[in-house]
Amino acid sequence: SMQRRKRYSFSELMEMTGGALTITQARRAVYKLQ
């Protein structure tokens, strides 16, 4: 759901999931992607 060269805040990343992930799950997913 992320576009190249566009910067997102963490809250925007949470909104892109549509509420499918909790904050902890989203943090873990972002950390793994990093």
Full PDB file with SEQRES, HELIX, SHEET, SSBOND, CRYST1, ORIGX, SCALE, CONECT and MASTER records, all heavy atoms in Angstrom:
SEQRES   1 A   34  SER MET GLN ARG ARG LYS ARG TYR SER PHE SER GLU LEU          
SEQRES   2 A   34  MET GLU MET THR GLY GLY ALA LEU THR ILE THR GLN ALA          
SEQRES   3 A   34  ARG ARG ALA VAL TYR LYS LEU GLN                              
HELIX    1 AA1 PHE A   10  MET A   16  1                                   7    
HELIX    2 AA2 ILE A   23  LEU A   33  1                                  11    
CRYST1    1.000    1.000    1.000  90.00  90.00  90.00 P 1           1          
ORIGX1      1.000000  0.000000  0.000000        0.00000                         
ORIGX2      0.000000  1.000000  0.000000        0.00000                         
ORIGX3      0.000000  0.000000  1.000000        0.00000                         
SCALE1      1.000000  0.000000  0.000000        0.00000                         
SCALE2      0.000000  1.000000  0.000000        0.00000                         
SCALE3      0.000000  0.000000  1.000000        0.00000                         
ATOM      1  N   SER A   1       0.814  -1.218   0.000  1.00  0.00           N  
ATOM      2  CA  SER A   1       0.000   0.000   0.000  1.00  0.00           C  
ATOM      3  C   SER A   1       0.849   1.270   0.000  1.00  0.00           C  
ATOM      4  O   SER A   1       0.325   2.352  -0.229  1.00  0.00           O  
ATOM      5  CB  SER A   1      -0.958  -0.005   1.185  1.00  0.00           C  
ATOM      6  OG  SER A   1      -0.247  -0.116   2.385  1.00  0.00           O  
ATOM      7  N   MET A   2       2.150   1.137   0.222  1.00  0.00           N  
ATOM      8  CA  MET A   2       3.038   2.303   0.193  1.00  0.00           C  
ATOM      9  C   MET A   2       3.462   2.610  -1.240  1.00  0.00           C  
ATOM     10  O   MET A   2       3.681   1.702  -2.029  1.00  0.00           O  
ATOM     11  CB  MET A   2       4.294   2.047   1.038  1.00  0.00           C  
ATOM     12  CG  MET A   2       4.030   1.904   2.507  1.00  0.00           C  
ATOM     13  SD  MET A   2       5.516   1.486   3.434  1.00  0.00           S  
ATOM     14  CE  MET A   2       6.301   3.086   3.523  1.00  0.00           C  
ATOM     15  N   GLN A   3       3.560   3.897  -1.549  1.00  0.00           N  
ATOM     16  CA  GLN A   3       4.047   4.332  -2.848  1.00  0.00           C  
ATOM     17  C   GLN A   3       5.511   4.715  -2.719  1.00  0.00           C  
ATOM     18  O   GLN A   3       5.942   5.183  -1.675  1.00  0.00           O  
ATOM     19  CB  GLN A   3       3.261   5.533  -3.350  1.00  0.00           C  
ATOM     20  CG  GLN A   3       1.812   5.253  -3.595  1.00  0.00           C  
ATOM     21  CD  GLN A   3       1.082   6.517  -4.006  1.00  0.00           C  
ATOM     22  OE1 GLN A   3       1.672   7.581  -4.171  1.00  0.00           O  
ATOM     23  NE2 GLN A   3      -0.222   6.406  -4.173  1.00  0.00           N  
ATOM     24  N   ARG A   4       6.249   4.506  -3.777  1.00  0.00           N  
ATOM     25  CA  ARG A   4       7.664   4.870  -3.758  1.00  0.00           C  
ATOM     26  C   ARG A   4       7.824   6.384  -3.641  1.00  0.00           C  
ATOM     27  O   ARG A   4       7.036   7.144  -4.185  1.00  0.00           O  
ATOM     28  CB  ARG A   4       8.365   4.404  -5.028  1.00  0.00           C  
ATOM     29  CG  ARG A   4       8.486   2.912  -5.112  1.00  0.00           C  
ATOM     30  CD  ARG A   4       9.313   2.540  -6.323  1.00  0.00           C  
ATOM     31  NE  ARG A   4       9.409   1.109  -6.447  1.00  0.00           N  
ATOM     32  CZ  ARG A   4      10.375   0.383  -5.903  1.00  0.00           C  
ATOM     33  NH1 ARG A   4      11.312   0.963  -5.203  1.00  0.00           N  
ATOM     34  NH2 ARG A   4      10.397  -0.922  -6.052  1.00  0.00           N  
ATOM     35  N   ARG A   5       8.869   6.784  -2.926  1.00  0.00           N  
ATOM     36  CA  ARG A   5       9.273   8.183  -2.758  1.00  0.00           C  
ATOM     37  C   ARG A   5       8.248   9.040  -2.016  1.00  0.00           C  
ATOM     38  O   ARG A   5       8.323  10.254  -2.046  1.00  0.00           O  
ATOM     39  CB  ARG A   5       9.593   8.827  -4.100  1.00  0.00           C  
ATOM     40  CG  ARG A   5      10.739   8.170  -4.804  1.00  0.00           C  
ATOM     41  CD  ARG A   5      11.094   8.959  -6.046  1.00  0.00           C  
ATOM     42  NE  ARG A   5      12.094   8.245  -6.804  1.00  0.00           N  
ATOM     43  CZ  ARG A   5      11.997   7.991  -8.082  1.00  0.00           C  
ATOM     44  NH1 ARG A   5      10.954   8.406  -8.761  1.00  0.00           N  
ATOM     45  NH2 ARG A   5      12.945   7.330  -8.700  1.00  0.00           N  
ATOM     46  N   LYS A   6       7.268   8.431  -1.395  1.00  0.00           N  
ATOM     47  CA  LYS A   6       6.319   9.190  -0.591  1.00  0.00           C  
ATOM     48  C   LYS A   6       6.576   8.845   0.865  1.00  0.00           C  
ATOM     49  O   LYS A   6       6.762   7.692   1.214  1.00  0.00           O  
ATOM     50  CB  LYS A   6       4.887   8.836  -0.957  1.00  0.00           C  
ATOM     51  CG  LYS A   6       3.892   9.677  -0.217  1.00  0.00           C  
ATOM     52  CD  LYS A   6       2.484   9.441  -0.670  1.00  0.00           C  
ATOM     53  CE  LYS A   6       1.581  10.351   0.152  1.00  0.00           C  
ATOM     54  NZ  LYS A   6       0.201   9.985   0.059  1.00  0.00           N  
ATOM     55  N   ARG A   7       6.587   9.863   1.711  1.00  0.00           N  
ATOM     56  CA  ARG A   7       6.871   9.664   3.127  1.00  0.00           C  
ATOM     57  C   ARG A   7       5.572   9.572   3.910  1.00  0.00           C  
ATOM     58  O   ARG A   7       4.631  10.314   3.654  1.00  0.00           O  
ATOM     59  CB  ARG A   7       7.758  10.786   3.637  1.00  0.00           C  
ATOM     60  CG  ARG A   7       9.088  10.756   2.924  1.00  0.00           C  
ATOM     61  CD  ARG A   7      10.042  11.786   3.433  1.00  0.00           C  
ATOM     62  NE  ARG A   7      11.253  11.728   2.635  1.00  0.00           N  
ATOM     63  CZ  ARG A   7      12.433  11.360   3.117  1.00  0.00           C  
ATOM     64  NH1 ARG A   7      12.542  11.020   4.366  1.00  0.00           N  
ATOM     65  NH2 ARG A   7      13.488  11.329   2.338  1.00  0.00           N  
ATOM     66  N   TYR A   8       5.548   8.638   4.841  1.00  0.00           N  
ATOM     67  CA  TYR A   8       4.358   8.374   5.633  1.00  0.00           C  
ATOM     68  C   TYR A   8       4.683   8.460   7.112  1.00  0.00           C  
ATOM     69  O   TYR A   8       5.757   8.055   7.542  1.00  0.00           O  
ATOM     70  CB  TYR A   8       3.831   6.956   5.364  1.00  0.00           C  
ATOM     71  CG  TYR A   8       3.425   6.698   3.943  1.00  0.00           C  
ATOM     72  CD1 TYR A   8       4.315   6.137   3.039  1.00  0.00           C  
ATOM     73  CD2 TYR A   8       2.139   6.997   3.507  1.00  0.00           C  
ATOM     74  CE1 TYR A   8       3.940   5.887   1.735  1.00  0.00           C  
ATOM     75  CE2 TYR A   8       1.760   6.748   2.208  1.00  0.00           C  
ATOM     76  CZ  TYR A   8       2.659   6.196   1.320  1.00  0.00           C  
ATOM     77  OH  TYR A   8       2.284   5.955   0.045  1.00  0.00           O  
ATOM     78  N   SER A   9       3.735   8.939   7.894  1.00  0.00           N  
ATOM     79  CA  SER A   9       3.857   8.847   9.341  1.00  0.00           C  
ATOM     80  C   SER A   9       3.327   7.471   9.754  1.00  0.00           C  
ATOM     81  O   SER A   9       2.682   6.771   8.969  1.00  0.00           O  
ATOM     82  CB  SER A   9       3.046   9.952  10.021  1.00  0.00           C  
ATOM     83  OG  SER A   9       1.669   9.754   9.778  1.00  0.00           O  
ATOM     84  N   PHE A  10       3.568   7.088  10.995  1.00  0.00           N  
ATOM     85  CA  PHE A  10       3.092   5.789  11.447  1.00  0.00           C  
ATOM     86  C   PHE A  10       1.569   5.729  11.466  1.00  0.00           C  
ATOM     87  O   PHE A  10       0.975   4.708  11.136  1.00  0.00           O  
ATOM     88  CB  PHE A  10       3.659   5.454  12.830  1.00  0.00           C  
ATOM     89  CG  PHE A  10       3.324   4.072  13.283  1.00  0.00           C  
ATOM     90  CD1 PHE A  10       4.023   2.986  12.780  1.00  0.00           C  
ATOM     91  CD2 PHE A  10       2.314   3.856  14.190  1.00  0.00           C  
ATOM     92  CE1 PHE A  10       3.707   1.700  13.169  1.00  0.00           C  
ATOM     93  CE2 PHE A  10       1.995   2.577  14.603  1.00  0.00           C  
ATOM     94  CZ  PHE A  10       2.697   1.501  14.097  1.00  0.00           C  
ATOM     95  N   SER A  11       0.945   6.831  11.818  1.00  0.00           N  
ATOM     96  CA  SER A  11      -0.526   6.846  11.830  1.00  0.00           C  
ATOM     97  C   SER A  11      -1.088   6.677  10.418  1.00  0.00           C  
ATOM     98  O   SER A  11      -2.136   6.049  10.235  1.00  0.00           O  
ATOM     99  CB  SER A  11      -1.050   8.128  12.476  1.00  0.00           C  
ATOM    100  OG  SER A  11      -0.581   9.258  11.774  1.00  0.00           O  
ATOM    101  N   GLU A  12      -0.401   7.206   9.408  1.00  0.00           N  
ATOM    102  CA  GLU A  12      -0.839   6.999   8.021  1.00  0.00           C  
ATOM    103  C   GLU A  12      -0.686   5.530   7.607  1.00  0.00           C  
ATOM    104  O   GLU A  12      -1.531   4.992   6.894  1.00  0.00           O  
ATOM    105  CB  GLU A  12      -0.043   7.889   7.069  1.00  0.00           C  
ATOM    106  CG  GLU A  12      -0.373   9.359   7.190  1.00  0.00           C  
ATOM    107  CD  GLU A  12       0.542  10.222   6.338  1.00  0.00           C  
ATOM    108  OE1 GLU A  12       1.716   9.857   6.129  1.00  0.00           O  
ATOM    109  OE2 GLU A  12       0.058  11.287   5.893  1.00  0.00           O  
ATOM    110  N   LEU A  13       0.381   4.900   8.074  1.00  0.00           N  
ATOM    111  CA  LEU A  13       0.548   3.475   7.792  1.00  0.00           C  
ATOM    112  C   LEU A  13      -0.571   2.659   8.435  1.00  0.00           C  
ATOM    113  O   LEU A  13      -1.075   1.706   7.839  1.00  0.00           O  
ATOM    114  CB  LEU A  13       1.908   2.976   8.284  1.00  0.00           C  
ATOM    115  CG  LEU A  13       3.139   3.526   7.582  1.00  0.00           C  
ATOM    116  CD1 LEU A  13       4.402   2.973   8.232  1.00  0.00           C  
ATOM    117  CD2 LEU A  13       3.126   3.188   6.101  1.00  0.00           C  
ATOM    118  N   MET A  14      -0.960   3.048   9.633  1.00  0.00           N  
ATOM    119  CA  MET A  14      -2.068   2.357  10.310  1.00  0.00           C  
ATOM    120  C   MET A  14      -3.380   2.554   9.554  1.00  0.00           C  
ATOM    121  O   MET A  14      -4.176   1.628   9.440  1.00  0.00           O  
ATOM    122  CB  MET A  14      -2.221   2.882  11.746  1.00  0.00           C  
ATOM    123  CG  MET A  14      -1.144   2.432  12.691  1.00  0.00           C  
ATOM    124  SD  MET A  14      -1.200   0.680  13.048  1.00  0.00           S  
ATOM    125  CE  MET A  14      -2.762   0.541  13.872  1.00  0.00           C  
ATOM    126  N   GLU A  15      -3.607   3.750   9.031  1.00  0.00           N  
ATOM    127  CA  GLU A  15      -4.825   4.013   8.265  1.00  0.00           C  
ATOM    128  C   GLU A  15      -4.860   3.210   6.970  1.00  0.00           C  
ATOM    129  O   GLU A  15      -5.923   2.789   6.522  1.00  0.00           O  
ATOM    130  CB  GLU A  15      -4.935   5.504   7.948  1.00  0.00           C  
ATOM    131  CG  GLU A  15      -5.243   6.364   9.146  1.00  0.00           C  
ATOM    132  CD  GLU A  15      -5.204   7.846   8.815  1.00  0.00           C  
ATOM    133  OE1 GLU A  15      -5.091   8.199   7.624  1.00  0.00           O  
ATOM    134  OE2 GLU A  15      -5.275   8.648   9.760  1.00  0.00           O  
ATOM    135  N   MET A  16      -3.696   2.994   6.368  1.00  0.00           N  
ATOM    136  CA  MET A  16      -3.652   2.246   5.106  1.00  0.00           C  
ATOM    137  C   MET A  16      -4.040   0.784   5.302  1.00  0.00           C  
ATOM    138  O   MET A  16      -4.508   0.143   4.375  1.00  0.00           O  
ATOM    139  CB  MET A  16      -2.257   2.329   4.470  1.00  0.00           C  
ATOM    140  CG  MET A  16      -1.931   3.700   3.955  1.00  0.00           C  
ATOM    141  SD  MET A  16      -0.418   3.844   2.995  1.00  0.00           S  
ATOM    142  CE  MET A  16       0.772   2.948   3.911  1.00  0.00           C  
ATOM    143  N   THR A  17      -3.872   0.267   6.504  1.00  0.00           N  
ATOM    144  CA  THR A  17      -4.247  -1.129   6.750  1.00  0.00           C  
ATOM    145  C   THR A  17      -5.746  -1.268   6.965  1.00  0.00           C  
ATOM    146  O   THR A  17      -6.256  -2.387   6.965  1.00  0.00           O  
ATOM    147  CB  THR A  17      -3.503  -1.684   7.981  1.00  0.00           C  
ATOM    148  OG1 THR A  17      -3.903  -0.955   9.132  1.00  0.00           O  
ATOM    149  CG2 THR A  17      -2.011  -1.617   7.797  1.00  0.00           C  
ATOM    150  N   GLY A  18      -6.430  -0.168   7.154  1.00  0.00           N  
ATOM    151  CA  GLY A  18      -7.877  -0.213   7.322  1.00  0.00           C  
ATOM    152  C   GLY A  18      -8.313  -0.825   8.638  1.00  0.00           C  
ATOM    153  O   GLY A  18      -9.381  -1.422   8.722  1.00  0.00           O  
ATOM    154  N   GLY A  19      -7.492  -0.735   9.655  1.00  0.00           N  
ATOM    155  CA  GLY A  19      -7.846  -1.297  10.949  1.00  0.00           C  
ATOM    156  C   GLY A  19      -7.615  -2.793  11.058  1.00  0.00           C  
ATOM    157  O   GLY A  19      -8.026  -3.421  12.027  1.00  0.00           O  
ATOM    158  N   ALA A  20      -6.957  -3.381  10.054  1.00  0.00           N  
ATOM    159  CA  ALA A  20      -6.706  -4.821  10.073  1.00  0.00           C  
ATOM    160  C   ALA A  20      -5.620  -5.207  11.063  1.00  0.00           C  
ATOM    161  O   ALA A  20      -5.560  -6.358  11.497  1.00  0.00           O  
ATOM    162  CB  ALA A  20      -6.324  -5.309   8.676  1.00  0.00           C  
ATOM    163  N   LEU A  21      -4.764  -4.252  11.433  1.00  0.00           N  
ATOM    164  CA  LEU A  21      -3.660  -4.540  12.345  1.00  0.00           C  
ATOM    165  C   LEU A  21      -3.768  -3.696  13.606  1.00  0.00           C  
ATOM    166  O   LEU A  21      -4.199  -2.550  13.566  1.00  0.00           O  
ATOM    167  CB  LEU A  21      -2.314  -4.236  11.668  1.00  0.00           C  
ATOM    168  CG  LEU A  21      -1.981  -4.950  10.379  1.00  0.00           C  
ATOM    169  CD1 LEU A  21      -0.634  -4.478   9.849  1.00  0.00           C  
ATOM    170  CD2 LEU A  21      -1.959  -6.445  10.580  1.00  0.00           C  
ATOM    171  N   THR A  22      -3.348  -4.279  14.713  1.00  0.00           N  
ATOM    172  CA  THR A  22      -3.234  -3.500  15.934  1.00  0.00           C  
ATOM    173  C   THR A  22      -1.935  -2.698  15.866  1.00  0.00           C  
ATOM    174  O   THR A  22      -1.106  -2.917  14.979  1.00  0.00           O  
ATOM    175  CB  THR A  22      -3.216  -4.414  17.174  1.00  0.00           C  
ATOM    176  OG1 THR A  22      -2.047  -5.236  17.117  1.00  0.00           O  
ATOM    177  CG2 THR A  22      -4.461  -5.280  17.236  1.00  0.00           C  
ATOM    178  N   ILE A  23      -1.749  -1.798  16.817  1.00  0.00           N  
ATOM    179  CA  ILE A  23      -0.532  -0.978  16.818  1.00  0.00           C  
ATOM    180  C   ILE A  23       0.704  -1.852  16.977  1.00  0.00           C  
ATOM    181  O   ILE A  23       1.706  -1.663  16.285  1.00  0.00           O  
ATOM    182  CB  ILE A  23      -0.608   0.079  17.939  1.00  0.00           C  
ATOM    183  CG1 ILE A  23      -1.701   1.096  17.617  1.00  0.00           C  
ATOM    184  CG2 ILE A  23       0.723   0.776  18.135  1.00  0.00           C  
ATOM    185  CD1 ILE A  23      -1.948   2.103  18.711  1.00  0.00           C  
ATOM    186  N   THR A  24       0.631  -2.838  17.847  1.00  0.00           N  
ATOM    187  CA  THR A  24       1.773  -3.730  18.063  1.00  0.00           C  
ATOM    188  C   THR A  24       2.089  -4.538  16.816  1.00  0.00           C  
ATOM    189  O   THR A  24       3.260  -4.683  16.440  1.00  0.00           O  
ATOM    190  CB  THR A  24       1.485  -4.676  19.242  1.00  0.00           C  
ATOM    191  OG1 THR A  24       1.138  -3.900  20.384  1.00  0.00           O  
ATOM    192  CG2 THR A  24       2.700  -5.532  19.559  1.00  0.00           C  
ATOM    193  N   GLN A  25       1.071  -5.051  16.151  1.00  0.00           N  
ATOM    194  CA  GLN A  25       1.296  -5.818  14.923  1.00  0.00           C  
ATOM    195  C   GLN A  25       1.894  -4.942  13.832  1.00  0.00           C  
ATOM    196  O   GLN A  25       2.787  -5.373  13.102  1.00  0.00           O  
ATOM    197  CB  GLN A  25      -0.026  -6.418  14.435  1.00  0.00           C  
ATOM    198  CG  GLN A  25      -0.553  -7.517  15.306  1.00  0.00           C  
ATOM    199  CD  GLN A  25      -1.941  -7.958  14.881  1.00  0.00           C  
ATOM    200  OE1 GLN A  25      -2.715  -7.173  14.318  1.00  0.00           O  
ATOM    201  NE2 GLN A  25      -2.270  -9.213  15.149  1.00  0.00           N  
ATOM    202  N   ALA A  26       1.412  -3.710  13.729  1.00  0.00           N  
ATOM    203  CA  ALA A  26       1.933  -2.799  12.709  1.00  0.00           C  
ATOM    204  C   ALA A  26       3.385  -2.435  13.003  1.00  0.00           C  
ATOM    205  O   ALA A  26       4.208  -2.377  12.089  1.00  0.00           O  
ATOM    206  CB  ALA A  26       1.077  -1.539  12.631  1.00  0.00           C  
ATOM    207  N   ARG A  27       3.713  -2.209  14.275  1.00  0.00           N  
ATOM    208  CA  ARG A  27       5.102  -1.900  14.628  1.00  0.00           C  
ATOM    209  C   ARG A  27       6.035  -3.049  14.279  1.00  0.00           C  
ATOM    210  O   ARG A  27       7.128  -2.850  13.762  1.00  0.00           O  
ATOM    211  CB  ARG A  27       5.212  -1.579  16.115  1.00  0.00           C  
ATOM    212  CG  ARG A  27       4.721  -0.210  16.460  1.00  0.00           C  
ATOM    213  CD  ARG A  27       4.974   0.103  17.915  1.00  0.00           C  
ATOM    214  NE  ARG A  27       4.439   1.415  18.234  1.00  0.00           N  
ATOM    215  CZ  ARG A  27       3.856   1.718  19.359  1.00  0.00           C  
ATOM    216  NH1 ARG A  27       3.737   0.824  20.314  1.00  0.00           N  
ATOM    217  NH2 ARG A  27       3.398   2.936  19.572  1.00  0.00           N  
ATOM    218  N   ARG A  28       5.601  -4.261  14.590  1.00  0.00           N  
ATOM    219  CA  ARG A  28       6.418  -5.431  14.265  1.00  0.00           C  
ATOM    220  C   ARG A  28       6.589  -5.595  12.763  1.00  0.00           C  
ATOM    221  O   ARG A  28       7.668  -5.935  12.283  1.00  0.00           O  
ATOM    222  CB  ARG A  28       5.797  -6.689  14.857  1.00  0.00           C  
ATOM    223  CG  ARG A  28       5.944  -6.775  16.341  1.00  0.00           C  
ATOM    224  CD  ARG A  28       5.329  -8.039  16.884  1.00  0.00           C  
ATOM    225  NE  ARG A  28       5.405  -8.046  18.330  1.00  0.00           N  
ATOM    226  CZ  ARG A  28       4.597  -8.749  19.107  1.00  0.00           C  
ATOM    227  NH1 ARG A  28       3.665  -9.505  18.568  1.00  0.00           N  
ATOM    228  NH2 ARG A  28       4.732  -8.706  20.411  1.00  0.00           N  
ATOM    229  N   ALA A  29       5.520  -5.369  12.005  1.00  0.00           N  
ATOM    230  CA  ALA A  29       5.592  -5.499  10.548  1.00  0.00           C  
ATOM    231  C   ALA A  29       6.529  -4.455   9.950  1.00  0.00           C  
ATOM    232  O   ALA A  29       7.342  -4.764   9.082  1.00  0.00           O  
ATOM    233  CB  ALA A  29       4.193  -5.387   9.945  1.00  0.00           C  
ATOM    234  N   VAL A  30       6.431  -3.216  10.434  1.00  0.00           N  
ATOM    235  CA  VAL A  30       7.303  -2.155   9.932  1.00  0.00           C  
ATOM    236  C   VAL A  30       8.754  -2.443  10.303  1.00  0.00           C  
ATOM    237  O   VAL A  30       9.664  -2.262   9.495  1.00  0.00           O  
ATOM    238  CB  VAL A  30       6.850  -0.769  10.457  1.00  0.00           C  
ATOM    239  CG1 VAL A  30       7.879   0.302  10.165  1.00  0.00           C  
ATOM    240  CG2 VAL A  30       5.512  -0.389   9.841  1.00  0.00           C  
ATOM    241  N   TYR A  31       8.979  -2.929  11.524  1.00  0.00           N  
ATOM    242  CA  TYR A  31      10.346  -3.263  11.949  1.00  0.00           C  
ATOM    243  C   TYR A  31      10.932  -4.363  11.067  1.00  0.00           C  
ATOM    244  O   TYR A  31      12.088  -4.286  10.650  1.00  0.00           O  
ATOM    245  CB  TYR A  31      10.359  -3.697  13.419  1.00  0.00           C  
ATOM    246  CG  TYR A  31      11.714  -4.153  13.884  1.00  0.00           C  
ATOM    247  CD1 TYR A  31      12.724  -3.219  14.117  1.00  0.00           C  
ATOM    248  CD2 TYR A  31      11.996  -5.494  14.067  1.00  0.00           C  
ATOM    249  CE1 TYR A  31      13.983  -3.628  14.527  1.00  0.00           C  
ATOM    250  CE2 TYR A  31      13.249  -5.910  14.468  1.00  0.00           C  
ATOM    251  CZ  TYR A  31      14.232  -4.979  14.696  1.00  0.00           C  
ATOM    252  OH  TYR A  31      15.483  -5.386  15.090  1.00  0.00           O  
ATOM    253  N   LYS A  32      10.142  -5.367  10.750  1.00  0.00           N  
ATOM    254  CA  LYS A  32      10.618  -6.458   9.889  1.00  0.00           C  
ATOM    255  C   LYS A  32      10.929  -5.934   8.485  1.00  0.00           C  
ATOM    256  O   LYS A  32      11.930  -6.321   7.874  1.00  0.00           O  
ATOM    257  CB  LYS A  32       9.575  -7.567   9.829  1.00  0.00           C  
ATOM    258  CG  LYS A  32       9.957  -8.733   8.977  1.00  0.00           C  
ATOM    259  CD  LYS A  32      11.121  -9.494   9.559  1.00  0.00           C  
ATOM    260  CE  LYS A  32      11.393 -10.732   8.725  1.00  0.00           C  
ATOM    261  NZ  LYS A  32      12.497 -11.509   9.208  1.00  0.00           N  
ATOM    262  N   LEU A  33      10.096  -5.035   7.962  1.00  0.00           N  
ATOM    263  CA  LEU A  33      10.362  -4.437   6.655  1.00  0.00           C  
ATOM    264  C   LEU A  33      11.647  -3.616   6.679  1.00  0.00           C  
ATOM    265  O   LEU A  33      12.387  -3.580   5.697  1.00  0.00           O  
ATOM    266  CB  LEU A  33       9.180  -3.571   6.218  1.00  0.00           C  
ATOM    267  CG  LEU A  33       7.890  -4.319   5.885  1.00  0.00           C  
ATOM    268  CD1 LEU A  33       6.744  -3.341   5.683  1.00  0.00           C  
ATOM    269  CD2 LEU A  33       8.073  -5.192   4.663  1.00  0.00           C  
ATOM    270  N   GLN A  34      11.923  -2.970   7.807  1.00  0.00           N  
ATOM    271  CA  GLN A  34      13.162  -2.204   7.932  1.00  0.00           C  
ATOM    272  C   GLN A  34      14.380  -3.127   7.971  1.00  0.00           C  
ATOM    273  O   GLN A  34      15.407  -2.822   7.381  1.00  0.00           O  
ATOM    274  CB  GLN A  34      13.141  -1.336   9.185  1.00  0.00           C  
ATOM    275  CG  GLN A  34      12.232  -0.152   9.084  1.00  0.00           C  
ATOM    276  CD  GLN A  34      12.192   0.631  10.378  1.00  0.00           C  
ATOM    277  OE1 GLN A  34      12.143   0.062  11.468  1.00  0.00           O  
ATOM    278  NE2 GLN A  34      12.215   1.946  10.265  1.00  0.00           N  
TER     279      GLN A  34                                                      
MASTER        0    0    0    2    0    0    0    6  278    1    0    3          
END                                                                             
